[in-house]
């Protein structure tokens, strides 16, 4: 499970805009980590070419206002 989640998160380096924006926090995106009940919340800094992962949470948890 950890290897799969890590692979999906590392894939953001190639496709940083693949996930939709997280409507509760401007500039933040939410990637659902299938087939597991987890989601990664992240920001993209296009000027620096960096993807910043803010949190990885179980989907049964209350999602943050980051």
C-alpha atoms as a PDB file:
ATOM      1  CA  UNK A   1       0.000   0.000   0.000  1.00  0.00           C
ATOM      2  CA  UNK A   2       2.743   2.448   0.942  1.00  0.00           C
ATOM      3  CA  UNK A   3       4.637   1.757  -2.293  1.00  0.00           C
ATOM      4  CA  UNK A   4       1.498   2.371  -4.370  1.00  0.00           C
ATOM      5  CA  UNK A   5       0.697   5.636  -2.597  1.00  0.00           C
ATOM      6  CA  UNK A   6       4.288   6.779  -2.916  1.00  0.00           C
ATOM      7  CA  UNK A   7       4.305   5.975  -6.642  1.00  0.00           C
ATOM      8  CA  UNK A   8       1.112   7.981  -7.202  1.00  0.00           C
ATOM      9  CA  UNK A   9       2.459  10.963  -5.257  1.00  0.00           C
ATOM     10  CA  UNK A  10       5.784  10.838  -7.104  1.00  0.00           C
ATOM     11  CA  UNK A  11       3.812  10.819 -10.372  1.00  0.00           C
ATOM     12  CA  UNK A  12       2.753  14.375  -9.567  1.00  0.00           C
ATOM     13  CA  UNK A  13       6.226  15.463 -10.679  1.00  0.00           C
ATOM     14  CA  UNK A  14       5.268  14.547 -14.256  1.00  0.00           C
ATOM     15  CA  UNK A  15       1.583  15.525 -14.127  1.00  0.00           C
ATOM     16  CA  UNK A  16       1.146  18.126 -11.361  1.00  0.00           C
ATOM     17  CA  UNK A  17      -2.249  19.361 -12.549  1.00  0.00           C
ATOM     18  CA  UNK A  18      -3.848  15.903 -12.819  1.00  0.00           C
ATOM     19  CA  UNK A  19      -5.993  16.343  -9.703  1.00  0.00           C
ATOM     20  CA  UNK A  20      -8.829  18.833  -9.325  1.00  0.00           C
ATOM     21  CA  UNK A  21      -8.544  21.852  -7.097  1.00  0.00           C
ATOM     22  CA  UNK A  22      -9.670  21.384  -3.509  1.00  0.00           C
ATOM     23  CA  UNK A  23     -12.482  23.923  -3.393  1.00  0.00           C
ATOM     24  CA  UNK A  24     -12.060  24.683   0.323  1.00  0.00           C
ATOM     25  CA  UNK A  25      -8.500  25.979  -0.103  1.00  0.00           C
ATOM     26  CA  UNK A  26      -7.507  28.131  -3.105  1.00  0.00           C
ATOM     27  CA  UNK A  27      -4.359  26.863  -4.819  1.00  0.00           C
ATOM     28  CA  UNK A  28      -4.579  23.429  -3.222  1.00  0.00           C
ATOM     29  CA  UNK A  29      -5.329  20.210  -5.096  1.00  0.00           C
ATOM     30  CA  UNK A  30      -6.658  16.843  -3.888  1.00  0.00           C
ATOM     31  CA  UNK A  31      -5.431  13.589  -5.416  1.00  0.00           C
ATOM     32  CA  UNK A  32      -7.483  10.501  -4.542  1.00  0.00           C
ATOM     33  CA  UNK A  33      -5.043   7.622  -4.034  1.00  0.00           C
ATOM     34  CA  UNK A  34      -6.904   4.664  -5.519  1.00  0.00           C
ATOM     35  CA  UNK A  35      -7.537   1.845  -4.750  1.00  0.00           C
ATOM     36  CA  UNK A  36      -6.949   2.928  -1.146  1.00  0.00           C
ATOM     37  CA  UNK A  37      -9.133   5.237   0.937  1.00  0.00           C
ATOM     38  CA  UNK A  38      -6.530   8.010   1.072  1.00  0.00           C
ATOM     39  CA  UNK A  39      -6.149  11.445  -0.489  1.00  0.00           C
ATOM     40  CA  UNK A  40      -3.075  13.637  -0.936  1.00  0.00           C
ATOM     41  CA  UNK A  41      -3.451  17.396  -0.594  1.00  0.00           C
ATOM     42  CA  UNK A  42      -0.795  19.392  -2.432  1.00  0.00           C
ATOM     43  CA  UNK A  43       0.178  22.701  -4.036  1.00  0.00           C
ATOM     44  CA  UNK A  44       1.998  23.338  -7.289  1.00  0.00           C
ATOM     45  CA  UNK A  45       4.615  26.089  -7.488  1.00  0.00           C
ATOM     46  CA  UNK A  46       5.036  26.366 -11.245  1.00  0.00           C
ATOM     47  CA  UNK A  47       7.694  29.086 -11.053  1.00  0.00           C
ATOM     48  CA  UNK A  48       9.964  26.878  -8.938  1.00  0.00           C
ATOM     49  CA  UNK A  49       8.853  23.645 -10.638  1.00  0.00           C
ATOM     50  CA  UNK A  50       7.920  22.113  -7.287  1.00  0.00           C
ATOM     51  CA  UNK A  51       5.006  20.051  -6.010  1.00  0.00           C
ATOM     52  CA  UNK A  52       4.529  20.484  -2.254  1.00  0.00           C
ATOM     53  CA  UNK A  53       2.576  17.657  -0.591  1.00  0.00           C
ATOM     54  CA  UNK A  54       0.793  19.148   2.408  1.00  0.00           C
ATOM     55  CA  UNK A  55      -0.932  16.068   3.861  1.00  0.00           C
ATOM     56  CA  UNK A  56      -1.985  12.524   3.094  1.00  0.00           C
ATOM     57  CA  UNK A  57      -5.193  11.616   4.925  1.00  0.00           C
ATOM     58  CA  UNK A  58      -7.584   8.686   5.175  1.00  0.00           C
ATOM     59  CA  UNK A  59     -10.837   9.663   3.462  1.00  0.00           C
ATOM     60  CA  UNK A  60     -12.876   8.788   6.555  1.00  0.00           C
ATOM     61  CA  UNK A  61     -11.139  11.587   8.448  1.00  0.00           C
ATOM     62  CA  UNK A  62     -12.383  15.160   8.471  1.00  0.00           C
ATOM     63  CA  UNK A  63     -10.573  16.961   5.683  1.00  0.00           C
ATOM     64  CA  UNK A  64      -8.501  19.982   6.618  1.00  0.00           C
ATOM     65  CA  UNK A  65      -8.902  23.634   5.867  1.00  0.00           C
ATOM     66  CA  UNK A  66      -5.113  23.580   5.307  1.00  0.00           C
END
